[in-house]
Amino acid sequence: MSSQTPIQAVSRPKRHSPTSLKVFETCPKQFEYAYVERIKADESPAAELVFGNALHEALAFLHRMPVDERSVEAAHAALRHFWARTERAGAFLEEAEEIVWGKRALAVLDQYCANYDLEAQPLAVERWVRAMLPSGAVLSGKADRVDRSPDGDGLEVIDYKSGRCRINDDAGLRRDLGAMVYALATARTFRKPVLRVRFLFIAEGVERRWDLEAEDLASIETELGKLTTRVEQTGDFAAVPGRHCDWCRFVDRCPAQGGASLEALSEASAVAF
């Protein structure tokens, strides 16, 4: 019989979101703080968060309206309504900065209304979707929109992104954990195949699209099954320093801070001085 202490599965989360899985892939230590130890960290409002939340709320409201009442003016009115109801204390240095962000959000809606079909009739708006894997792990997330696919034989998942697009091309979307979770969880929730996933980077006017093949959902389930098993069986959540440390909520307690070493530097023989 092995003398090793068994991993305490009860301390590992069995429910996973696109965000939690991305955090684990980026830095297991951050995942441990947020999802295993569930440490509450200061989350002061940020300008980007106010901007993104208000845009998501405005677009959801717009697509819940009767088709003949949807317009750029309606989108603007919705944005101002939800912006006013978003926690903003400390998000902006002064009113002038908030005005700049607000006008930028209005311009994003101008572009959206000009370039996308306002008459689309979503099957669902801001709907929670979930899927259970063979291991018993549960995947869940809130889909911004679920539409019928263009051919009517399946579903299309649409996710709005208010930040920068860091996915180089459509092929990159196939490797995005969020796209995979939404595809599988939406298919399971609606009991219909997801034939397309679209990420709309509304602030940049960029779109990434994934047209799924028949075998893709099975491959997604296998890949996410392996990842969630790793999450649940990890015993040592190692810190992985990087640019993400700049906005990590747990940076003050992380053991990787102050760990830079001169041994990591190479000789700079080509430098003139």
C-alpha atoms as a PDB file:
ATOM      1  CA  MET A   1       0.000   0.000   0.000  1.00  0.00           C
ATOM      2  CA  SER A   2       1.341   3.417  -0.873  1.00  0.00           C
ATOM      3  CA  SER A   3       2.473   5.588   2.020  1.00  0.00           C
ATOM      4  CA  GLN A   4       1.765   8.781   0.110  1.00  0.00           C
ATOM      5  CA  THR A   5      -0.938  11.028   1.512  1.00  0.00           C
ATOM      6  CA  PRO A   6      -3.925  10.973  -0.864  1.00  0.00           C
ATOM      7  CA  ILE A   7      -5.000  14.190  -2.498  1.00  0.00           C
ATOM      8  CA  GLN A   8      -7.989  15.665  -0.713  1.00  0.00           C
ATOM      9  CA  ALA A   9     -10.431  15.959  -3.599  1.00  0.00           C
ATOM     10  CA  VAL A  10     -12.924  17.809  -1.419  1.00  0.00           C
ATOM     11  CA  SER A  11     -10.634  20.843  -1.421  1.00  0.00           C
ATOM     12  CA  ARG A  12     -10.667  21.099  -5.190  1.00  0.00           C
ATOM     13  CA  PRO A  13     -13.493  22.826  -7.065  1.00  0.00           C
ATOM     14  CA  LYS A  14     -15.659  20.598  -9.235  1.00  0.00           C
ATOM     15  CA  ARG A  15     -17.376  23.473 -11.017  1.00  0.00           C
ATOM     16  CA  HIS A  16     -15.338  25.373 -13.578  1.00  0.00           C
ATOM     17  CA  SER A  17     -15.891  28.519 -15.613  1.00  0.00           C
ATOM     18  CA  PRO A  18     -13.982  29.826 -18.638  1.00  0.00           C
ATOM     19  CA  THR A  19     -12.367  32.402 -16.350  1.00  0.00           C
ATOM     20  CA  SER A  20     -11.252  29.915 -13.688  1.00  0.00           C
ATOM     21  CA  LEU A  21      -9.751  27.565 -16.271  1.00  0.00           C
ATOM     22  CA  LYS A  22      -7.860  30.418 -17.945  1.00  0.00           C
ATOM     23  CA  VAL A  23      -6.530  31.527 -14.558  1.00  0.00           C
ATOM     24  CA  PHE A  24      -5.275  27.986 -13.864  1.00  0.00           C
ATOM     25  CA  GLU A  25      -3.541  27.812 -17.247  1.00  0.00           C
ATOM     26  CA  THR A  26      -1.942  31.223 -16.694  1.00  0.00           C
ATOM     27  CA  CYS A  27      -0.875  30.859 -13.069  1.00  0.00           C
ATOM     28  CA  PRO A  28      -1.907  27.932 -10.810  1.00  0.00           C
ATOM     29  CA  LYS A  29      -0.998  29.952  -7.708  1.00  0.00           C
ATOM     30  CA  GLN A  30      -3.504  32.656  -8.598  1.00  0.00           C
ATOM     31  CA  PHE A  31      -6.080  29.910  -9.147  1.00  0.00           C
ATOM     32  CA  GLU A  32      -5.335  28.484  -5.703  1.00  0.00           C
ATOM     33  CA  TYR A  33      -5.851  31.849  -4.008  1.00  0.00           C
ATOM     34  CA  ALA A  34      -9.066  32.626  -5.910  1.00  0.00           C
ATOM     35  CA  TYR A  35     -10.814  29.256  -6.272  1.00  0.00           C
ATOM     36  CA  VAL A  36      -9.357  26.877  -3.677  1.00  0.00           C
ATOM     37  CA  GLU A  37      -8.654  29.134  -0.702  1.00  0.00           C
ATOM     38  CA  ARG A  38     -11.310  31.608  -1.912  1.00  0.00           C
ATOM     39  CA  ILE A  39      -9.412  34.582  -0.548  1.00  0.00           C
ATOM     40  CA  LYS A  40     -11.350  37.800  -0.829  1.00  0.00           C
ATOM     41  CA  ALA A  41      -9.223  40.453  -2.494  1.00  0.00           C
ATOM     42  CA  ASP A  42      -9.863  44.146  -2.923  1.00  0.00           C
ATOM     43  CA  GLU A  43     -11.721  44.665  -6.184  1.00  0.00           C
ATOM     44  CA  SER A  44     -12.001  48.404  -6.582  1.00  0.00           C
ATOM     45  CA  PRO A  45     -13.931  49.425  -9.699  1.00  0.00           C
ATOM     46  CA  ALA A  46     -11.767  50.102 -12.740  1.00  0.00           C
ATOM     47  CA  ALA A  47     -12.586  52.209 -15.777  1.00  0.00           C
ATOM     48  CA  GLU A  48     -12.272  49.190 -18.073  1.00  0.00           C
ATOM     49  CA  LEU A  49     -14.735  47.223 -15.931  1.00  0.00           C
ATOM     50  CA  VAL A  50     -17.334  50.005 -15.914  1.00  0.00           C
ATOM     51  CA  PHE A  51     -16.907  50.369 -19.676  1.00  0.00           C
ATOM     52  CA  GLY A  52     -17.220  46.651 -20.381  1.00  0.00           C
ATOM     53  CA  ASN A  53     -20.117  45.949 -18.026  1.00  0.00           C
ATOM     54  CA  ALA A  54     -22.202  48.850 -19.310  1.00  0.00           C
ATOM     55  CA  LEU A  55     -21.640  47.812 -22.934  1.00  0.00           C
ATOM     56  CA  HIS A  56     -22.647  44.204 -22.200  1.00  0.00           C
ATOM     57  CA  GLU A  57     -25.796  45.346 -20.395  1.00  0.00           C
ATOM     58  CA  ALA A  58     -26.704  47.768 -23.163  1.00  0.00           C
ATOM     59  CA  LEU A  59     -26.342  45.157 -25.917  1.00  0.00           C
ATOM     60  CA  ALA A  60     -28.328  42.603 -23.935  1.00  0.00           C
ATOM     61  CA  PHE A  61     -31.127  45.125 -23.448  1.00  0.00           C
ATOM     62  CA  LEU A  62     -31.034  46.105 -27.125  1.00  0.00           C
ATOM     63  CA  HIS A  63     -31.534  42.520 -28.284  1.00  0.00           C
ATOM     64  CA  ARG A  64     -34.371  41.978 -25.820  1.00  0.00           C
ATOM     65  CA  MET A  65     -36.321  44.876 -27.326  1.00  0.00           C
ATOM     66  CA  PRO A  66     -38.947  44.474 -30.062  1.00  0.00           C
ATOM     67  CA  VAL A  67     -37.158  44.500 -33.405  1.00  0.00           C
ATOM     68  CA  ASP A  68     -38.875  47.663 -34.656  1.00  0.00           C
ATOM     69  CA  GLU A  69     -37.711  49.609 -31.581  1.00  0.00           C
ATOM     70  CA  ARG A  70     -34.023  48.751 -31.855  1.00  0.00           C
ATOM     71  CA  SER A  71     -31.818  51.623 -32.934  1.00  0.00           C
ATOM     72  CA  VAL A  72     -28.554  53.341 -32.126  1.00  0.00           C
ATOM     73  CA  GLU A  73     -30.533  55.864 -30.063  1.00  0.00           C
ATOM     74  CA  ALA A  74     -32.022  53.022 -28.011  1.00  0.00           C
ATOM     75  CA  ALA A  75     -28.540  51.560 -27.528  1.00  0.00           C
ATOM     76  CA  HIS A  76     -27.246  54.934 -26.300  1.00  0.00           C
ATOM     77  CA  ALA A  77     -30.148  55.289 -23.858  1.00  0.00           C
ATOM     78  CA  ALA A  78     -29.511  51.786 -22.509  1.00  0.00           C
ATOM     79  CA  LEU A  79     -25.806  52.484 -22.072  1.00  0.00           C
ATOM     80  CA  ARG A  80     -26.432  55.643 -20.050  1.00  0.00           C
ATOM     81  CA  HIS A  81     -29.006  53.810 -17.924  1.00  0.00           C
ATOM     82  CA  PHE A  82     -26.705  50.923 -17.025  1.00  0.00           C
ATOM     83  CA  TRP A  83     -23.627  53.134 -16.703  1.00  0.00           C
ATOM     84  CA  ALA A  84     -25.415  55.181 -14.044  1.00  0.00           C
ATOM     85  CA  ARG A  85     -26.241  51.991 -12.131  1.00  0.00           C
ATOM     86  CA  THR A  86     -22.708  50.574 -12.223  1.00  0.00           C
ATOM     87  CA  GLU A  87     -20.452  50.949  -9.184  1.00  0.00           C
ATOM     88  CA  ARG A  88     -18.028  53.680 -10.279  1.00  0.00           C
ATOM     89  CA  ALA A  89     -16.573  55.138  -7.086  1.00  0.00           C
ATOM     90  CA  GLY A  90     -12.821  55.376  -7.620  1.00  0.00           C
ATOM     91  CA  ALA A  91     -12.914  54.044 -11.178  1.00  0.00           C
ATOM     92  CA  PHE A  92     -12.096  57.423 -12.729  1.00  0.00           C
ATOM     93  CA  LEU A  93      -9.653  60.076 -11.587  1.00  0.00           C
ATOM     94  CA  GLU A  94     -12.085  62.861 -12.399  1.00  0.00           C
ATOM     95  CA  GLU A  95     -15.302  63.535 -14.288  1.00  0.00           C
ATOM     96  CA  ALA A  96     -13.405  64.460 -17.449  1.00  0.00           C
ATOM     97  CA  GLU A  97     -11.908  60.969 -17.608  1.00  0.00           C
ATOM     98  CA  GLU A  98     -15.321  59.370 -17.154  1.00  0.00           C
ATOM     99  CA  ILE A  99     -16.668  61.470 -20.025  1.00  0.00           C
ATOM    100  CA  VAL A 100     -13.878  60.216 -22.295  1.00  0.00           C
ATOM    101  CA  TRP A 101     -14.696  56.599 -21.451  1.00  0.00           C
ATOM    102  CA  GLY A 102     -18.435  57.208 -21.833  1.00  0.00           C
ATOM    103  CA  LYS A 103     -18.051  58.791 -25.256  1.00  0.00           C
ATOM    104  CA  ARG A 104     -15.851  55.901 -26.308  1.00  0.00           C
ATOM    105  CA  ALA A 105     -18.592  53.468 -25.268  1.00  0.00           C
ATOM    106  CA  LEU A 106     -21.180  55.415 -27.280  1.00  0.00           C
ATOM    107  CA  ALA A 107     -18.872  55.250 -30.319  1.00  0.00           C
ATOM    108  CA  VAL A 108     -18.570  51.464 -29.868  1.00  0.00           C
ATOM    109  CA  LEU A 109     -22.365  51.193 -30.003  1.00  0.00           C
ATOM    110  CA  ASP A 110     -22.454  53.407 -33.113  1.00  0.00           C
ATOM    111  CA  GLN A 111     -20.105  50.974 -34.825  1.00  0.00           C
ATOM    112  CA  TYR A 112     -21.990  47.915 -33.596  1.00  0.00           C
ATOM    113  CA  CYS A 113     -25.364  49.202 -34.811  1.00  0.00           C
ATOM    114  CA  ALA A 114     -23.883  50.084 -38.198  1.00  0.00           C
ATOM    115  CA  ASN A 115     -22.165  46.741 -38.769  1.00  0.00           C
ATOM    116  CA  TYR A 116     -24.366  44.086 -37.164  1.00  0.00           C
ATOM    117  CA  ASP A 117     -27.915  42.908 -37.756  1.00  0.00           C
ATOM    118  CA  LEU A 118     -30.204  44.570 -35.227  1.00  0.00           C
ATOM    119  CA  GLU A 119     -33.111  42.430 -36.415  1.00  0.00           C
ATOM    120  CA  ALA A 120     -31.507  39.188 -35.263  1.00  0.00           C
ATOM    121  CA  GLN A 121     -33.809  37.238 -32.952  1.00  0.00           C
ATOM    122  CA  PRO A 122     -31.665  35.501 -30.308  1.00  0.00           C
ATOM    123  CA  LEU A 123     -32.906  32.300 -28.723  1.00  0.00           C
ATOM    124  CA  ALA A 124     -31.365  33.502 -25.470  1.00  0.00           C
ATOM    125  CA  VAL A 125     -29.595  36.563 -24.097  1.00  0.00           C
ATOM    126  CA  GLU A 126     -27.230  36.356 -21.121  1.00  0.00           C
ATOM    127  CA  ARG A 127     -28.181  32.734 -20.485  1.00  0.00           C
ATOM    128  CA  TRP A 128     -26.316  30.479 -18.068  1.00  0.00           C
ATOM    129  CA  VAL A 129     -25.217  27.301 -19.834  1.00  0.00           C
ATOM    130  CA  ARG A 130     -23.648  24.197 -18.294  1.00  0.00           C
ATOM    131  CA  ALA A 131     -22.296  20.775 -19.128  1.00  0.00           C
ATOM    132  CA  MET A 132     -21.272  17.843 -16.953  1.00  0.00           C
ATOM    133  CA  LEU A 133     -18.173  15.907 -18.000  1.00  0.00           C
ATOM    134  CA  PRO A 134     -17.848  12.118 -17.566  1.00  0.00           C
ATOM    135  CA  SER A 135     -15.640  12.773 -14.510  1.00  0.00           C
ATOM    136  CA  GLY A 136     -18.485  14.624 -12.799  1.00  0.00           C
ATOM    137  CA  ALA A 137     -16.848  18.034 -13.258  1.00  0.00           C
ATOM    138  CA  VAL A 138     -19.271  20.761 -14.291  1.00  0.00           C
ATOM    139  CA  LEU A 139     -18.529  23.507 -16.800  1.00  0.00           C
ATOM    140  CA  SER A 140     -20.642  26.642 -16.718  1.00  0.00           C
ATOM    141  CA  GLY A 141     -20.701  30.175 -18.060  1.00  0.00           C
ATOM    142  CA  LYS A 142     -23.047  32.949 -19.095  1.00  0.00           C
ATOM    143  CA  ALA A 143     -23.463  33.132 -22.878  1.00  0.00           C
ATOM    144  CA  ASP A 144     -24.020  36.682 -24.090  1.00  0.00           C
ATOM    145  CA  ARG A 145     -26.187  35.470 -26.976  1.00  0.00           C
ATOM    146  CA  VAL A 146     -27.381  32.201 -28.437  1.00  0.00           C
ATOM    147  CA  ASP A 147     -28.817  32.399 -31.970  1.00  0.00           C
ATOM    148  CA  ARG A 148     -30.009  29.854 -34.470  1.00  0.00           C
ATOM    149  CA  SER A 149     -27.215  29.027 -36.895  1.00  0.00           C
ATOM    150  CA  PRO A 150     -27.672  30.508 -40.391  1.00  0.00           C
ATOM    151  CA  ASP A 151     -28.834  27.165 -41.828  1.00  0.00           C
ATOM    152  CA  GLY A 152     -31.279  26.642 -38.957  1.00  0.00           C
ATOM    153  CA  ASP A 153     -29.895  23.202 -38.078  1.00  0.00           C
ATOM    154  CA  GLY A 154     -28.004  24.185 -34.961  1.00  0.00           C
ATOM    155  CA  LEU A 155     -26.864  27.009 -32.722  1.00  0.00           C
ATOM    156  CA  GLU A 156     -24.497  29.949 -32.866  1.00  0.00           C
ATOM    157  CA  VAL A 157     -22.902  31.328 -29.707  1.00  0.00           C
ATOM    158  CA  ILE A 158     -21.953  35.007 -29.684  1.00  0.00           C
ATOM    159  CA  ASP A 159     -19.674  36.484 -27.035  1.00  0.00           C
ATOM    160  CA  TYR A 160     -19.020  40.217 -26.767  1.00  0.00           C
ATOM    161  CA  LYS A 161     -15.515  41.343 -25.840  1.00  0.00           C
ATOM    162  CA  SER A 162     -14.864  44.940 -24.815  1.00  0.00           C
ATOM    163  CA  GLY A 163     -11.093  44.578 -24.496  1.00  0.00           C
ATOM    164  CA  ARG A 164      -8.289  44.096 -26.990  1.00  0.00           C
ATOM    165  CA  CYS A 165      -8.308  41.161 -29.374  1.00  0.00           C
ATOM    166  CA  ARG A 166      -5.334  38.919 -28.606  1.00  0.00           C
ATOM    167  CA  ILE A 167      -6.478  36.079 -30.870  1.00  0.00           C
ATOM    168  CA  ASN A 168      -4.473  36.392 -34.067  1.00  0.00           C
ATOM    169  CA  ASP A 169      -6.898  34.688 -36.432  1.00  0.00           C
ATOM    170  CA  ASP A 170      -9.977  32.483 -36.638  1.00  0.00           C
ATOM    171  CA  ALA A 171      -7.847  29.372 -36.109  1.00  0.00           C
ATOM    172  CA  GLY A 172      -6.785  30.764 -32.736  1.00  0.00           C
ATOM    173  CA  LEU A 173     -10.360  30.707 -31.497  1.00  0.00           C
ATOM    174  CA  ARG A 174     -10.291  26.896 -31.632  1.00  0.00           C
ATOM    175  CA  ARG A 175      -7.715  26.942 -28.824  1.00  0.00           C
ATOM    176  CA  ASP A 176      -9.560  29.462 -26.647  1.00  0.00           C
ATOM    177  CA  LEU A 177     -10.884  27.893 -23.439  1.00  0.00           C
ATOM    178  CA  GLY A 178     -13.868  30.230 -23.348  1.00  0.00           C
ATOM    179  CA  ALA A 179     -14.905  29.270 -26.868  1.00  0.00           C
ATOM    180  CA  MET A 180     -14.596  25.589 -26.000  1.00  0.00           C
ATOM    181  CA  VAL A 181     -16.611  25.861 -22.786  1.00  0.00           C
ATOM    182  CA  TYR A 182     -19.374  27.908 -24.411  1.00  0.00           C
ATOM    183  CA  ALA A 183     -19.615  25.536 -27.386  1.00  0.00           C
ATOM    184  CA  LEU A 184     -19.950  22.412 -25.244  1.00  0.00           C
ATOM    185  CA  ALA A 185     -22.095  23.905 -22.464  1.00  0.00           C
ATOM    186  CA  THR A 186     -24.506  25.570 -24.900  1.00  0.00           C
ATOM    187  CA  ALA A 187     -24.918  22.368 -26.900  1.00  0.00           C
ATOM    188  CA  ARG A 188     -25.710  20.433 -23.715  1.00  0.00           C
ATOM    189  CA  THR A 189     -28.071  23.073 -22.314  1.00  0.00           C
ATOM    190  CA  PHE A 190     -30.130  23.478 -25.498  1.00  0.00           C
ATOM    191  CA  ARG A 191     -29.641  19.865 -26.640  1.00  0.00           C
ATOM    192  CA  LYS A 192     -28.716  21.013 -30.114  1.00  0.00           C
ATOM    193  CA  PRO A 193     -25.324  21.107 -31.854  1.00  0.00           C
ATOM    194  CA  VAL A 194     -23.353  24.342 -31.762  1.00  0.00           C
ATOM    195  CA  LEU A 195     -22.184  24.971 -35.301  1.00  0.00           C
ATOM    196  CA  ARG A 196     -20.478  28.313 -34.804  1.00  0.00           C
ATOM    197  CA  VAL A 197     -18.857  30.404 -32.087  1.00  0.00           C
ATOM    198  CA  ARG A 198     -18.240  34.098 -32.686  1.00  0.00           C
ATOM    199  CA  PHE A 199     -16.240  36.456 -30.506  1.00  0.00           C
ATOM    200  CA  LEU A 200     -17.083  40.087 -31.306  1.00  0.00           C
ATOM    201  CA  PHE A 201     -14.372  42.473 -30.128  1.00  0.00           C
ATOM    202  CA  ILE A 202     -16.745  45.410 -30.236  1.00  0.00           C
ATOM    203  CA  ALA A 203     -14.271  48.107 -29.171  1.00  0.00           C
ATOM    204  CA  GLU A 204     -11.956  47.265 -32.077  1.00  0.00           C
ATOM    205  CA  GLY A 205     -14.484  46.168 -34.691  1.00  0.00           C
ATOM    206  CA  VAL A 206     -12.760  42.777 -34.942  1.00  0.00           C
ATOM    207  CA  GLU A 207     -14.466  39.390 -35.156  1.00  0.00           C
ATOM    208  CA  ARG A 208     -13.127  35.882 -34.666  1.00  0.00           C
ATOM    209  CA  ARG A 209     -15.215  32.946 -35.900  1.00  0.00           C
ATOM    210  CA  TRP A 210     -15.082  29.190 -35.373  1.00  0.00           C
ATOM    211  CA  ASP A 211     -17.220  26.978 -37.604  1.00  0.00           C
ATOM    212  CA  LEU A 212     -17.345  23.657 -35.770  1.00  0.00           C
ATOM    213  CA  GLU A 213     -17.125  20.294 -37.467  1.00  0.00           C
ATOM    214  CA  ALA A 214     -19.232  17.304 -36.397  1.00  0.00           C
ATOM    215  CA  GLU A 215     -16.426  15.807 -34.323  1.00  0.00           C
ATOM    216  CA  ASP A 216     -15.365  19.023 -32.583  1.00  0.00           C
ATOM    217  CA  LEU A 217     -17.699  18.766 -29.584  1.00  0.00           C
ATOM    218  CA  ALA A 218     -16.358  15.305 -28.707  1.00  0.00           C
ATOM    219  CA  SER A 219     -12.782  16.605 -28.970  1.00  0.00           C
ATOM    220  CA  ILE A 220     -13.658  19.588 -26.782  1.00  0.00           C
ATOM    221  CA  GLU A 221     -15.125  17.311 -24.115  1.00  0.00           C
ATOM    222  CA  THR A 222     -11.963  15.191 -24.097  1.00  0.00           C
ATOM    223  CA  GLU A 223      -9.634  18.191 -23.875  1.00  0.00           C
ATOM    224  CA  LEU A 224     -11.620  19.930 -21.140  1.00  0.00           C
ATOM    225  CA  GLY A 225     -11.881  16.636 -19.286  1.00  0.00           C
ATOM    226  CA  LYS A 226      -8.093  16.366 -19.166  1.00  0.00           C
ATOM    227  CA  LEU A 227      -7.726  19.995 -18.042  1.00  0.00           C
ATOM    228  CA  THR A 228     -10.322  19.794 -15.271  1.00  0.00           C
ATOM    229  CA  THR A 229      -8.728  16.551 -14.029  1.00  0.00           C
ATOM    230  CA  ARG A 230      -5.390  18.363 -13.802  1.00  0.00           C
ATOM    231  CA  VAL A 231      -7.055  21.160 -11.855  1.00  0.00           C
ATOM    232  CA  GLU A 232      -8.723  18.778  -9.425  1.00  0.00           C
ATOM    233  CA  GLN A 233      -5.603  16.647  -8.878  1.00  0.00           C
ATOM    234  CA  THR A 234      -3.017  19.399  -8.585  1.00  0.00           C
ATOM    235  CA  GLY A 235      -1.245  19.285  -5.251  1.00  0.00           C
ATOM    236  CA  ASP A 236       1.309  22.047  -5.793  1.00  0.00           C
ATOM    237  CA  PHE A 237      -0.103  25.249  -7.273  1.00  0.00           C
ATOM    238  CA  ALA A 238       3.102  26.817  -8.563  1.00  0.00           C
ATOM    239  CA  ALA A 239       3.381  30.539  -9.230  1.00  0.00           C
ATOM    240  CA  VAL A 240       4.144  31.476 -12.840  1.00  0.00           C
ATOM    241  CA  PRO A 241       5.400  35.091 -12.926  1.00  0.00           C
ATOM    242  CA  GLY A 242       4.685  37.200 -15.993  1.00  0.00           C
ATOM    243  CA  ARG A 243       2.915  40.293 -17.271  1.00  0.00           C
ATOM    244  CA  HIS A 244      -0.295  39.043 -15.676  1.00  0.00           C
ATOM    245  CA  CYS A 245       1.263  39.824 -12.274  1.00  0.00           C
ATOM    246  CA  ASP A 246       0.648  43.522 -13.006  1.00  0.00           C
ATOM    247  CA  TRP A 247      -3.102  43.096 -12.514  1.00  0.00           C
ATOM    248  CA  CYS A 248      -3.187  40.086 -10.178  1.00  0.00           C
ATOM    249  CA  ARG A 249      -5.325  40.716  -7.091  1.00  0.00           C
ATOM    250  CA  PHE A 250      -3.064  38.526  -4.947  1.00  0.00           C
ATOM    251  CA  VAL A 251       0.333  39.901  -5.913  1.00  0.00           C
ATOM    252  CA  ASP A 252       1.103  41.126  -2.377  1.00  0.00           C
ATOM    253  CA  ARG A 253       0.946  37.625  -0.928  1.00  0.00           C
ATOM    254  CA  CYS A 254       2.503  35.709  -3.817  1.00  0.00           C
ATOM    255  CA  PRO A 255       5.757  33.844  -3.000  1.00  0.00           C
ATOM    256  CA  ALA A 256       7.129  34.621  -6.468  1.00  0.00           C
ATOM    257  CA  GLN A 257       7.410  38.326  -5.671  1.00  0.00           C
ATOM    258  CA  GLY A 258      10.983  39.385  -4.986  1.00  0.00           C
ATOM    259  CA  GLY A 259      12.273  36.214  -6.571  1.00  0.00           C
ATOM    260  CA  ALA A 260      14.272  37.766  -9.405  1.00  0.00           C
ATOM    261  CA  SER A 261      17.882  36.543  -9.491  1.00  0.00           C
ATOM    262  CA  LEU A 262      21.051  37.792 -11.174  1.00  0.00           C
ATOM    263  CA  GLU A 263      21.602  34.208 -12.301  1.00  0.00           C
ATOM    264  CA  ALA A 264      18.794  34.699 -14.815  1.00  0.00           C
ATOM    265  CA  LEU A 265      20.720  37.480 -16.580  1.00  0.00           C
ATOM    266  CA  SER A 266      23.100  36.823 -19.458  1.00  0.00           C
ATOM    267  CA  GLU A 267      26.331  38.646 -20.088  1.00  0.00           C
ATOM    268  CA  ALA A 268      25.729  41.760 -22.146  1.00  0.00           C
ATOM    269  CA  SER A 269      29.007  41.655 -24.070  1.00  0.00           C
ATOM    270  CA  ALA A 270      27.504  43.466 -27.081  1.00  0.00           C
ATOM    271  CA  VAL A 271      26.679  46.554 -25.023  1.00  0.00           C
ATOM    272  CA  ALA A 272      29.077  49.406 -25.773  1.00  0.00           C
ATOM    273  CA  PHE A 273      29.341  50.526 -22.157  1.00  0.00           C
END
